[in-house]
Structure formats: structure tokens, C-alpha cells
Amino acid sequence: MLKSVIAAAALTMVSGAALAQTTVITQDPMVTNSTVVMPGEVRTYVMEQPIDSVPIVPSEGDVLVGEVLPEGVEVRPVQGYDDYGYTVVNEHRVIVNPQTRTVIQVLE
């Protein structure tokens, strides 16, 4: 009986922790030396959107947090979240600060 109670309590704690993860915390040391706290819905929205990749040069494939995207790259708005934009560059899906065009997270 005691084992069942302990197992149920452990399962409840794990389930609660999984449900509580609705934000994404990203370090932004290259731009503002601060931490960006992003709603998990932003990441989900960006991952679900169909969008073609745009190659940027002279980048060698890697898109880095803190990189400012060229003016020719279209940054699309994240519906319901004005502080975030997104695009796909060099086959990498990225979340961008739409005001500065700075990459704030590279999604895998």
C-alpha cells in the first residue's frame, strides 16, 4: 500500500513538472547580456509554420544567437506575440526580435 502511495505521489510530481513547462528561457549574452524568457507557445507556433529557408551569405551554415539578419530576409510576426518574429535561414528555424532583427533563439 505504501509503495502505491509513493508511486502515485512521484507520478503526480513528474506530471505537474511536465505541464508547468510553458516558457523557454534563453541566454542572450551576445546582445544584451541578459536572459530572454519566452512563452512556450511562441516556439510551438514557429515550429508549426510552413516557410521556405532563405540562404544568407557569408554565413557558413550556422546561424548564431545575437546575429543580426540582413534586411533582405523576411521576418514574419508570431501571431499574438508582437515581441517575437521568425524565419528560416540556412535551413535553421530562428526566433527573432522583430525590432532589431537579432536572432534570439535557434530552434532544433
PDB file of N, CA and C in Angstrom:
ATOM      1  N   MET A   1       0.828  -1.192   0.000  1.00  0.00           N
ATOM      2  CA  MET A   1       0.000   0.000   0.000  1.00  0.00           C
ATOM      3  C   MET A   1       0.871   1.253   0.000  1.00  0.00           C
ATOM      4  N   LEU A   2       1.888   1.259   0.873  1.00  0.00           N
ATOM      5  CA  LEU A   2       2.769   2.419   0.968  1.00  0.00           C
ATOM      6  C   LEU A   2       3.495   2.659  -0.350  1.00  0.00           C
ATOM      7  N   LYS A   3       3.919   1.564  -1.017  1.00  0.00           N
ATOM      8  CA  LYS A   3       4.598   1.705  -2.306  1.00  0.00           C
ATOM      9  C   LYS A   3       3.671   2.333  -3.339  1.00  0.00           C
ATOM     10  N   SER A   4       2.403   1.990  -3.305  1.00  0.00           N
ATOM     11  CA  SER A   4       1.437   2.556  -4.252  1.00  0.00           C
ATOM     12  C   SER A   4       1.262   4.046  -4.013  1.00  0.00           C
ATOM     13  N   VAL A   5       1.215   4.458  -2.767  1.00  0.00           N
ATOM     14  CA  VAL A   5       1.064   5.876  -2.434  1.00  0.00           C
ATOM     15  C   VAL A   5       2.295   6.647  -2.881  1.00  0.00           C
ATOM     16  N   ILE A   6       3.474   6.108  -2.640  1.00  0.00           N
ATOM     17  CA  ILE A   6       4.715   6.769  -3.049  1.00  0.00           C
ATOM     18  C   ILE A   6       4.787   6.853  -4.575  1.00  0.00           C
ATOM     19  N   ALA A   7       4.437   5.790  -5.255  1.00  0.00           N
ATOM     20  CA  ALA A   7       4.453   5.789  -6.722  1.00  0.00           C
ATOM     21  C   ALA A   7       3.474   6.811  -7.283  1.00  0.00           C
ATOM     22  N   ALA A   8       2.301   6.900  -6.712  1.00  0.00           N
ATOM     23  CA  ALA A   8       1.294   7.872  -7.174  1.00  0.00           C
ATOM     24  C   ALA A   8       1.783   9.292  -6.942  1.00  0.00           C
ATOM     25  N   ALA A   9       2.399   9.534  -5.793  1.00  0.00           N
ATOM     26  CA  ALA A   9       2.921  10.872  -5.489  1.00  0.00           C
ATOM     27  C   ALA A   9       4.033  11.242  -6.463  1.00  0.00           C
ATOM     28  N   ALA A  10       4.918  10.307  -6.761  1.00  0.00           N
ATOM     29  CA  ALA A  10       6.010  10.572  -7.697  1.00  0.00           C
ATOM     30  C   ALA A  10       5.467  10.860  -9.088  1.00  0.00           C
ATOM     31  N   LEU A  11       4.477  10.104  -9.536  1.00  0.00           N
ATOM     32  CA  LEU A  11       3.876  10.317 -10.842  1.00  0.00           C
ATOM     33  C   LEU A  11       3.214  11.686 -10.932  1.00  0.00           C
ATOM     34  N   THR A  12       2.540  12.082  -9.871  1.00  0.00           N
ATOM     35  CA  THR A  12       1.897  13.395  -9.831  1.00  0.00           C
ATOM     36  C   THR A  12       2.933  14.501  -9.931  1.00  0.00           C
ATOM     37  N   MET A  13       4.046  14.367  -9.233  1.00  0.00           N
ATOM     38  CA  MET A  13       5.088  15.397  -9.276  1.00  0.00           C
ATOM     39  C   MET A  13       5.701  15.488 -10.663  1.00  0.00           C
ATOM     40  N   VAL A  14       5.970  14.368 -11.310  1.00  0.00           N
ATOM     41  CA  VAL A  14       6.548  14.370 -12.651  1.00  0.00           C
ATOM     42  C   VAL A  14       5.565  14.957 -13.647  1.00  0.00           C
ATOM     43  N   SER A  15       4.294  14.575 -13.571  1.00  0.00           N
ATOM     44  CA  SER A  15       3.282  15.109 -14.483  1.00  0.00           C
ATOM     45  C   SER A  15       3.130  16.603 -14.318  1.00  0.00           C
ATOM     46  N   GLY A  16       3.118  17.079 -13.086  1.00  0.00           N
ATOM     47  CA  GLY A  16       2.997  18.513 -12.826  1.00  0.00           C
ATOM     48  C   GLY A  16       4.176  19.280 -13.381  1.00  0.00           C
ATOM     49  N   ALA A  17       5.380  18.725 -13.262  1.00  0.00           N
ATOM     50  CA  ALA A  17       6.565  19.390 -13.795  1.00  0.00           C
ATOM     51  C   ALA A  17       6.498  19.477 -15.311  1.00  0.00           C
ATOM     52  N   ALA A  18       6.021  18.428 -15.955  1.00  0.00           N
ATOM     53  CA  ALA A  18       5.917  18.434 -17.415  1.00  0.00           C
ATOM     54  C   ALA A  18       4.894  19.461 -17.877  1.00  0.00           C
ATOM     55  N   LEU A  19       3.779  19.568 -17.186  1.00  0.00           N
ATOM     56  CA  LEU A  19       2.750  20.528 -17.575  1.00  0.00           C
ATOM     57  C   LEU A  19       3.172  21.966 -17.291  1.00  0.00           C
ATOM     58  N   ALA A  20       4.039  22.171 -16.325  1.00  0.00           N
ATOM     59  CA  ALA A  20       4.425  23.524 -15.935  1.00  0.00           C
ATOM     60  C   ALA A  20       5.416  24.150 -16.905  1.00  0.00           C
ATOM     61  N   GLN A  21       5.966  23.400 -17.838  1.00  0.00           N
ATOM     62  CA  GLN A  21       6.981  23.921 -18.738  1.00  0.00           C
ATOM     63  C   GLN A  21       6.340  24.640 -19.913  1.00  0.00           C
ATOM     64  N   THR A  22       5.889  25.856 -19.685  1.00  0.00           N
ATOM     65  CA  THR A  22       5.255  26.627 -20.746  1.00  0.00           C
ATOM     66  C   THR A  22       6.091  27.820 -21.158  1.00  0.00           C
ATOM     67  N   THR A  23       7.285  27.967 -20.613  1.00  0.00           N
ATOM     68  CA  THR A  23       8.164  29.044 -21.023  1.00  0.00           C
ATOM     69  C   THR A  23       9.506  28.479 -21.443  1.00  0.00           C
ATOM     70  N   VAL A  24      10.192  29.222 -22.290  1.00  0.00           N
ATOM     71  CA  VAL A  24      11.523  28.854 -22.741  1.00  0.00           C
ATOM     72  C   VAL A  24      12.457  29.959 -22.293  1.00  0.00           C
ATOM     73  N   ILE A  25      13.528  29.585 -21.616  1.00  0.00           N
ATOM     74  CA  ILE A  25      14.495  30.573 -21.133  1.00  0.00           C
ATOM     75  C   ILE A  25      15.742  30.449 -21.991  1.00  0.00           C
ATOM     76  N   THR A  26      16.153  31.559 -22.573  1.00  0.00           N
ATOM     77  CA  THR A  26      17.291  31.584 -23.478  1.00  0.00           C
ATOM     78  C   THR A  26      18.285  32.629 -23.012  1.00  0.00           C
ATOM     79  N   GLN A  27      19.546  32.269 -22.965  1.00  0.00           N
ATOM     80  CA  GLN A  27      20.583  33.240 -22.650  1.00  0.00           C
ATOM     81  C   GLN A  27      20.835  34.095 -23.884  1.00  0.00           C
ATOM     82  N   ASP A  28      21.027  35.368 -23.710  1.00  0.00           N
ATOM     83  CA  ASP A  28      21.265  36.311 -24.792  1.00  0.00           C
ATOM     84  C   ASP A  28      22.552  37.086 -24.482  1.00  0.00           C
ATOM     85  N   PRO A  29      23.693  36.386 -24.320  1.00  0.00           N
ATOM     86  CA  PRO A  29      24.899  37.060 -23.863  1.00  0.00           C
ATOM     87  C   PRO A  29      25.534  37.949 -24.917  1.00  0.00           C
ATOM     88  N   MET A  30      25.295  37.677 -26.194  1.00  0.00           N
ATOM     89  CA  MET A  30      25.975  38.429 -27.236  1.00  0.00           C
ATOM     90  C   MET A  30      25.366  39.811 -27.454  1.00  0.00           C
ATOM     91  N   VAL A  31      24.098  39.978 -27.143  1.00  0.00           N
ATOM     92  CA  VAL A  31      23.427  41.232 -27.458  1.00  0.00           C
ATOM     93  C   VAL A  31      23.249  42.093 -26.209  1.00  0.00           C
ATOM     94  N   THR A  32      22.586  41.563 -25.212  1.00  0.00           N
ATOM     95  CA  THR A  32      22.253  42.383 -24.047  1.00  0.00           C
ATOM     96  C   THR A  32      22.775  41.812 -22.743  1.00  0.00           C
ATOM     97  N   ASN A  33      23.462  40.671 -22.802  1.00  0.00           N
ATOM     98  CA  ASN A  33      23.954  40.006 -21.597  1.00  0.00           C
ATOM     99  C   ASN A  33      22.826  39.755 -20.608  1.00  0.00           C
ATOM    100  N   SER A  34      21.670  39.365 -21.143  1.00  0.00           N
ATOM    101  CA  SER A  34      20.508  39.137 -20.293  1.00  0.00           C
ATOM    102  C   SER A  34      19.875  37.797 -20.639  1.00  0.00           C
ATOM    103  N   THR A  35      18.867  37.448 -19.886  1.00  0.00           N
ATOM    104  CA  THR A  35      18.121  36.223 -20.127  1.00  0.00           C
ATOM    105  C   THR A  35      16.787  36.578 -20.766  1.00  0.00           C
ATOM    106  N   VAL A  36      16.432  35.860 -21.822  1.00  0.00           N
ATOM    107  CA  VAL A  36      15.160  36.068 -22.501  1.00  0.00           C
ATOM    108  C   VAL A  36      14.212  34.971 -22.037  1.00  0.00           C
ATOM    109  N   VAL A  37      13.065  35.359 -21.502  1.00  0.00           N
ATOM    110  CA  VAL A  37      12.048  34.393 -21.105  1.00  0.00           C
ATOM    111  C   VAL A  37      10.944  34.464 -22.142  1.00  0.00           C
ATOM    112  N   MET A  38      10.755  33.349 -22.829  1.00  0.00           N
ATOM    113  CA  MET A  38       9.837  33.318 -23.961  1.00  0.00           C
ATOM    114  C   MET A  38       8.696  32.339 -23.682  1.00  0.00           C
ATOM    115  N   PRO A  39       7.469  32.734 -23.969  1.00  0.00           N
ATOM    116  CA  PRO A  39       6.359  31.783 -23.820  1.00  0.00           C
ATOM    117  C   PRO A  39       6.569  30.562 -24.720  1.00  0.00           C
ATOM    118  N   GLY A  40       6.286  29.394 -24.200  1.00  0.00           N
ATOM    119  CA  GLY A  40       6.422  28.170 -24.976  1.00  0.00           C
ATOM    120  C   GLY A  40       5.564  28.171 -26.224  1.00  0.00           C
ATOM    121  N   GLU A  41       4.460  28.916 -26.196  1.00  0.00           N
ATOM    122  CA  GLU A  41       3.573  28.991 -27.356  1.00  0.00           C
ATOM    123  C   GLU A  41       4.274  29.613 -28.554  1.00  0.00           C
ATOM    124  N   VAL A  42       5.248  30.504 -28.309  1.00  0.00           N
ATOM    125  CA  VAL A  42       5.995  31.134 -29.406  1.00  0.00           C
ATOM    126  C   VAL A  42       6.781  30.067 -30.159  1.00  0.00           C
ATOM    127  N   ARG A  43       7.497  29.224 -29.429  1.00  0.00           N
ATOM    128  CA  ARG A  43       8.282  28.154 -30.048  1.00  0.00           C
ATOM    129  C   ARG A  43       7.360  27.206 -30.823  1.00  0.00           C
ATOM    130  N   THR A  44       6.258  26.817 -30.212  1.00  0.00           N
ATOM    131  CA  THR A  44       5.318  25.909 -30.868  1.00  0.00           C
ATOM    132  C   THR A  44       4.795  26.513 -32.165  1.00  0.00           C
ATOM    133  N   TYR A  45       4.406  27.780 -32.125  1.00  0.00           N
ATOM    134  CA  TYR A  45       3.885  28.465 -33.313  1.00  0.00           C
ATOM    135  C   TYR A  45       4.936  28.465 -34.428  1.00  0.00           C
ATOM    136  N   VAL A  46       6.156  28.836 -34.091  1.00  0.00           N
ATOM    137  CA  VAL A  46       7.220  28.932 -35.087  1.00  0.00           C
ATOM    138  C   VAL A  46       7.525  27.563 -35.692  1.00  0.00           C
ATOM    139  N   MET A  47       7.519  26.521 -34.887  1.00  0.00           N
ATOM    140  CA  MET A  47       7.821  25.181 -35.383  1.00  0.00           C
ATOM    141  C   MET A  47       6.729  24.660 -36.319  1.00  0.00           C
ATOM    142  N   GLU A  48       5.504  25.147 -36.170  1.00  0.00           N
ATOM    143  CA  GLU A  48       4.385  24.644 -36.968  1.00  0.00           C
ATOM    144  C   GLU A  48       4.184  25.383 -38.287  1.00  0.00           C
ATOM    145  N   GLN A  49       4.823  26.527 -38.473  1.00  0.00           N
ATOM    146  CA  GLN A  49       4.567  27.336 -39.664  1.00  0.00           C
ATOM    147  C   GLN A  49       5.344  26.833 -40.880  1.00  0.00           C
ATOM    148  N   PRO A  50       4.651  26.690 -42.015  1.00  0.00           N
ATOM    149  CA  PRO A  50       5.354  26.312 -43.245  1.00  0.00           C
ATOM    150  C   PRO A  50       6.061  27.545 -43.819  1.00  0.00           C
ATOM    151  N   ILE A  51       7.350  27.453 -44.000  1.00  0.00           N
ATOM    152  CA  ILE A  51       8.124  28.578 -44.530  1.00  0.00           C
ATOM    153  C   ILE A  51       9.387  28.021 -45.182  1.00  0.00           C
ATOM    154  N   ASP A  52       9.747  28.595 -46.321  1.00  0.00           N
ATOM    155  CA  ASP A  52      10.956  28.171 -47.023  1.00  0.00           C
ATOM    156  C   ASP A  52      12.187  28.788 -46.373  1.00  0.00           C
ATOM    157  N   SER A  53      13.293  28.085 -46.492  1.00  0.00           N
ATOM    158  CA  SER A  53      14.563  28.578 -45.975  1.00  0.00           C
ATOM    159  C   SER A  53      15.166  29.585 -46.948  1.00  0.00           C
ATOM    160  N   VAL A  54      15.791  30.610 -46.383  1.00  0.00           N
ATOM    161  CA  VAL A  54      16.470  31.627 -47.169  1.00  0.00           C
ATOM    162  C   VAL A  54      17.967  31.506 -46.882  1.00  0.00           C
ATOM    163  N   PRO A  55      18.787  31.348 -47.923  1.00  0.00           N
ATOM    164  CA  PRO A  55      20.239  31.286 -47.667  1.00  0.00           C
ATOM    165  C   PRO A  55      20.783  32.680 -47.406  1.00  0.00           C
ATOM    166  N   ILE A  56      21.643  32.798 -46.397  1.00  0.00           N
ATOM    167  CA  ILE A  56      22.312  34.083 -46.179  1.00  0.00           C
ATOM    168  C   ILE A  56      23.818  33.860 -46.304  1.00  0.00           C
ATOM    169  N   VAL A  57      24.470  34.805 -46.897  1.00  0.00           N
ATOM    170  CA  VAL A  57      25.905  34.734 -47.154  1.00  0.00           C
ATOM    171  C   VAL A  57      26.532  35.893 -46.396  1.00  0.00           C
ATOM    172  N   PRO A  58      27.669  35.794 -45.794  1.00  0.00           N
ATOM    173  CA  PRO A  58      28.655  34.732 -45.939  1.00  0.00           C
ATOM    174  C   PRO A  58      28.563  33.646 -44.879  1.00  0.00           C
ATOM    175  N   SER A  59      27.466  33.548 -44.177  1.00  0.00           N
ATOM    176  CA  SER A  59      27.334  32.532 -43.141  1.00  0.00           C
ATOM    177  C   SER A  59      27.654  31.153 -43.692  1.00  0.00           C
ATOM    178  N   GLU A  60      28.343  30.352 -42.928  1.00  0.00           N
ATOM    179  CA  GLU A  60      28.749  29.013 -43.369  1.00  0.00           C
ATOM    180  C   GLU A  60      27.776  27.953 -42.868  1.00  0.00           C
ATOM    181  N   GLY A  61      26.521  28.287 -42.735  1.00  0.00           N
ATOM    182  CA  GLY A  61      25.519  27.313 -42.341  1.00  0.00           C
ATOM    183  C   GLY A  61      24.986  27.528 -40.946  1.00  0.00           C
ATOM    184  N   ASP A  62      25.836  27.908 -40.028  1.00  0.00           N
ATOM    185  CA  ASP A  62      25.387  28.104 -38.656  1.00  0.00           C
ATOM    186  C   ASP A  62      24.799  29.496 -38.492  1.00  0.00           C
ATOM    187  N   VAL A  63      23.652  29.547 -37.866  1.00  0.00           N
ATOM    188  CA  VAL A  63      23.029  30.818 -37.505  1.00  0.00           C
ATOM    189  C   VAL A  63      23.183  30.923 -35.998  1.00  0.00           C
ATOM    190  N   LEU A  64      23.687  32.034 -35.518  1.00  0.00           N
ATOM    191  CA  LEU A  64      24.013  32.167 -34.109  1.00  0.00           C
ATOM    192  C   LEU A  64      23.097  33.145 -33.393  1.00  0.00           C
ATOM    193  N   VAL A  65      22.836  32.868 -32.131  1.00  0.00           N
ATOM    194  CA  VAL A  65      22.115  33.824 -31.289  1.00  0.00           C
ATOM    195  C   VAL A  65      22.943  35.101 -31.262  1.00  0.00           C
ATOM    196  N   GLY A  66      22.279  36.219 -31.456  1.00  0.00           N
ATOM    197  CA  GLY A  66      22.952  37.512 -31.477  1.00  0.00           C
ATOM    198  C   GLY A  66      23.234  38.017 -32.881  1.00  0.00           C
ATOM    199  N   GLU A  67      23.125  37.135 -33.861  1.00  0.00           N
ATOM    200  CA  GLU A  67      23.359  37.532 -35.244  1.00  0.00           C
ATOM    201  C   GLU A  67      22.209  38.405 -35.721  1.00  0.00           C
ATOM    202  N   VAL A  68      22.526  39.491 -36.421  1.00  0.00           N
ATOM    203  CA  VAL A  68      21.510  40.372 -36.992  1.00  0.00           C
ATOM    204  C   VAL A  68      21.275  39.935 -38.433  1.00  0.00           C
ATOM    205  N   LEU A  69      20.012  39.680 -38.759  1.00  0.00           N
ATOM    206  CA  LEU A  69      19.674  39.212 -40.095  1.00  0.00           C
ATOM    207  C   LEU A  69      19.706  40.357 -41.093  1.00  0.00           C
ATOM    208  N   PRO A  70      20.161  40.095 -42.314  1.00  0.00           N
ATOM    209  CA  PRO A  70      20.172  41.128 -43.360  1.00  0.00           C
ATOM    210  C   PRO A  70      18.764  41.629 -43.666  1.00  0.00           C
ATOM    211  N   GLU A  71      18.663  42.840 -44.165  1.00  0.00           N
ATOM    212  CA  GLU A  71      17.372  43.455 -44.483  1.00  0.00           C
ATOM    213  C   GLU A  71      16.577  42.642 -45.501  1.00  0.00           C
ATOM    214  N   GLY A  72      17.230  41.914 -46.375  1.00  0.00           N
ATOM    215  CA  GLY A  72      16.534  41.145 -47.403  1.00  0.00           C
ATOM    216  C   GLY A  72      15.824  39.905 -46.891  1.00  0.00           C
ATOM    217  N   VAL A  73      16.069  39.528 -45.642  1.00  0.00           N
ATOM    218  CA  VAL A  73      15.431  38.344 -45.070  1.00  0.00           C
ATOM    219  C   VAL A  73      14.112  38.765 -44.431  1.00  0.00           C
ATOM    220  N   GLU A  74      13.013  38.157 -44.898  1.00  0.00           N
ATOM    221  CA  GLU A  74      11.700  38.479 -44.340  1.00  0.00           C
ATOM    222  C   GLU A  74      11.549  37.872 -42.947  1.00  0.00           C
ATOM    223  N   VAL A  75      11.244  38.726 -41.969  1.00  0.00           N
ATOM    224  CA  VAL A  75      10.954  38.275 -40.611  1.00  0.00           C
ATOM    225  C   VAL A  75       9.445  38.342 -40.449  1.00  0.00           C
ATOM    226  N   ARG A  76       8.839  37.188 -40.224  1.00  0.00           N
ATOM    227  CA  ARG A  76       7.389  37.106 -40.085  1.00  0.00           C
ATOM    228  C   ARG A  76       6.987  37.276 -38.619  1.00  0.00           C
ATOM    229  N   PRO A  77       5.823  37.863 -38.373  1.00  0.00           N
ATOM    230  CA  PRO A  77       5.369  38.041 -36.982  1.00  0.00           C
ATOM    231  C   PRO A  77       4.856  36.728 -36.390  1.00  0.00           C
ATOM    232  N   VAL A  78       5.007  36.601 -35.074  1.00  0.00           N
ATOM    233  CA  VAL A  78       4.413  35.478 -34.348  1.00  0.00           C
ATOM    234  C   VAL A  78       3.040  35.949 -33.898  1.00  0.00           C
ATOM    235  N   GLN A  79       2.003  35.284 -34.367  1.00  0.00           N
ATOM    236  CA  GLN A  79       0.630  35.684 -34.087  1.00  0.00           C
ATOM    237  C   GLN A  79       0.384  35.743 -32.578  1.00  0.00           C
ATOM    238  N   GLY A  80      -0.050  36.912 -32.117  1.00  0.00           N
ATOM    239  CA  GLY A  80      -0.379  37.094 -30.710  1.00  0.00           C
ATOM    240  C   GLY A  80       0.795  37.501 -29.832  1.00  0.00           C
ATOM    241  N   TYR A  81       2.003  37.582 -30.408  1.00  0.00           N
ATOM    242  CA  TYR A  81       3.200  37.930 -29.634  1.00  0.00           C
ATOM    243  C   TYR A  81       4.036  38.928 -30.428  1.00  0.00           C
ATOM    244  N   ASP A  82       3.766  40.216 -30.240  1.00  0.00           N
ATOM    245  CA  ASP A  82       4.424  41.268 -31.015  1.00  0.00           C
ATOM    246  C   ASP A  82       5.927  41.363 -30.792  1.00  0.00           C
ATOM    247  N   ASP A  83       6.425  40.834 -29.679  1.00  0.00           N
ATOM    248  CA  ASP A  83       7.851  40.934 -29.369  1.00  0.00           C
ATOM    249  C   ASP A  83       8.694  39.875 -30.074  1.00  0.00           C
ATOM    250  N   TYR A  84       8.057  38.988 -30.857  1.00  0.00           N
ATOM    251  CA  TYR A  84       8.773  37.895 -31.490  1.00  0.00           C
ATOM    252  C   TYR A  84       8.430  37.794 -32.966  1.00  0.00           C
ATOM    253  N   GLY A  85       9.449  37.491 -33.748  1.00  0.00           N
ATOM    254  CA  GLY A  85       9.282  37.190 -35.152  1.00  0.00           C
ATOM    255  C   GLY A  85      10.016  35.892 -35.440  1.00  0.00           C
ATOM    256  N   TYR A  86       9.903  35.413 -36.660  1.00  0.00           N
ATOM    257  CA  TYR A  86      10.588  34.165 -37.008  1.00  0.00           C
ATOM    258  C   TYR A  86      10.893  34.124 -38.487  1.00  0.00           C
ATOM    259  N   THR A  87      11.801  33.248 -38.837  1.00  0.00           N
ATOM    260  CA  THR A  87      12.111  32.948 -40.224  1.00  0.00           C
ATOM    261  C   THR A  87      12.933  31.661 -40.239  1.00  0.00           C
ATOM    262  N   VAL A  88      13.293  31.220 -41.444  1.00  0.00           N
ATOM    263  CA  VAL A  88      14.190  30.083 -41.591  1.00  0.00           C
ATOM    264  C   VAL A  88      15.331  30.544 -42.487  1.00  0.00           C
ATOM    265  N   VAL A  89      16.559  30.472 -41.946  1.00  0.00           N
ATOM    266  CA  VAL A  89      17.742  30.858 -42.716  1.00  0.00           C
ATOM    267  C   VAL A  89      18.753  29.724 -42.654  1.00  0.00           C
ATOM    268  N   ASN A  90      19.356  29.442 -43.809  1.00  0.00           N
ATOM    269  CA  ASN A  90      20.351  28.359 -43.909  1.00  0.00           C
ATOM    270  C   ASN A  90      19.834  27.065 -43.285  1.00  0.00           C
ATOM    271  N   GLU A  91      18.554  26.779 -43.522  1.00  0.00           N
ATOM    272  CA  GLU A  91      17.890  25.565 -43.033  1.00  0.00           C
ATOM    273  C   GLU A  91      17.731  25.527 -41.508  1.00  0.00           C
ATOM    274  N   HIS A  92      17.869  26.675 -40.853  1.00  0.00           N
ATOM    275  CA  HIS A  92      17.684  26.765 -39.399  1.00  0.00           C
ATOM    276  C   HIS A  92      16.484  27.657 -39.102  1.00  0.00           C
ATOM    277  N   ARG A  93      15.542  27.141 -38.332  1.00  0.00           N
ATOM    278  CA  ARG A  93      14.372  27.900 -37.914  1.00  0.00           C
ATOM    279  C   ARG A  93      14.799  28.773 -36.729  1.00  0.00           C
ATOM    280  N   VAL A  94      14.541  30.083 -36.814  1.00  0.00           N
ATOM    281  CA  VAL A  94      15.008  31.001 -35.770  1.00  0.00           C
ATOM    282  C   VAL A  94      13.888  31.914 -35.284  1.00  0.00           C
ATOM    283  N   ILE A  95      13.976  32.271 -34.002  1.00  0.00           N
ATOM    284  CA  ILE A  95      13.094  33.281 -33.415  1.00  0.00           C
ATOM    285  C   ILE A  95      13.908  34.560 -33.336  1.00  0.00           C
ATOM    286  N   VAL A  96      13.272  35.648 -33.728  1.00  0.00           N
ATOM    287  CA  VAL A  96      13.971  36.908 -33.936  1.00  0.00           C
ATOM    288  C   VAL A  96      13.270  38.035 -33.187  1.00  0.00           C
ATOM    289  N   ASN A  97      14.054  38.996 -32.704  1.00  0.00           N
ATOM    290  CA  ASN A  97      13.491  40.243 -32.204  1.00  0.00           C
ATOM    291  C   ASN A  97      13.136  41.061 -33.443  1.00  0.00           C
ATOM    292  N   PRO A  98      11.845  41.298 -33.711  1.00  0.00           N
ATOM    293  CA  PRO A  98      11.474  41.959 -34.965  1.00  0.00           C
ATOM    294  C   PRO A  98      11.922  43.416 -35.063  1.00  0.00           C
ATOM    295  N   GLN A  99      12.147  44.073 -33.933  1.00  0.00           N
ATOM    296  CA  GLN A  99      12.586  45.469 -33.962  1.00  0.00           C
ATOM    297  C   GLN A  99      14.059  45.582 -34.353  1.00  0.00           C
ATOM    298  N   THR A 100      14.899  44.667 -33.880  1.00  0.00           N
ATOM    299  CA  THR A 100      16.327  44.744 -34.138  1.00  0.00           C
ATOM    300  C   THR A 100      16.808  43.736 -35.172  1.00  0.00           C
ATOM    301  N   ARG A 101      15.932  42.765 -35.545  1.00  0.00           N
ATOM    302  CA  ARG A 101      16.253  41.691 -36.482  1.00  0.00           C
ATOM    303  C   ARG A 101      17.340  40.761 -35.934  1.00  0.00           C
ATOM    304  N   THR A 102      17.501  40.744 -34.615  1.00  0.00           N
ATOM    305  CA  THR A 102      18.516  39.935 -33.948  1.00  0.00           C
ATOM    306  C   THR A 102      17.955  38.565 -33.619  1.00  0.00           C
ATOM    307  N   VAL A 103      18.704  37.513 -33.909  1.00  0.00           N
ATOM    308  CA  VAL A 103      18.300  36.145 -33.588  1.00  0.00           C
ATOM    309  C   VAL A 103      18.369  35.972 -32.073  1.00  0.00           C
ATOM    310  N   ILE A 104      17.243  35.556 -31.463  1.00  0.00           N
ATOM    311  CA  ILE A 104      17.243  35.342 -30.025  1.00  0.00           C
ATOM    312  C   ILE A 104      17.184  33.864 -29.671  1.00  0.00           C
ATOM    313  N   GLN A 105      16.824  32.998 -30.640  1.00  0.00           N
ATOM    314  CA  GLN A 105      16.889  31.554 -30.400  1.00  0.00           C
ATOM    315  C   GLN A 105      16.932  30.829 -31.732  1.00  0.00           C
ATOM    316  N   VAL A 106      17.777  29.805 -31.800  1.00  0.00           N
ATOM    317  CA  VAL A 106      17.843  28.910 -32.954  1.00  0.00           C
ATOM    318  C   VAL A 106      17.157  27.626 -32.515  1.00  0.00           C
ATOM    319  N   LEU A 107      16.127  27.225 -33.238  1.00  0.00           N
ATOM    320  CA  LEU A 107      15.355  26.043 -32.876  1.00  0.00           C
ATOM    321  C   LEU A 107      15.910  24.818 -33.572  1.00  0.00           C
ATOM    322  N   GLU A 108      15.871  23.703 -32.890  1.00  0.00           N
ATOM    323  CA  GLU A 108      16.357  22.432 -33.447  1.00  0.00           C
ATOM    324  C   GLU A 108      15.186  21.553 -33.748  1.00  0.00           C
TER     325      GLU A 108
END
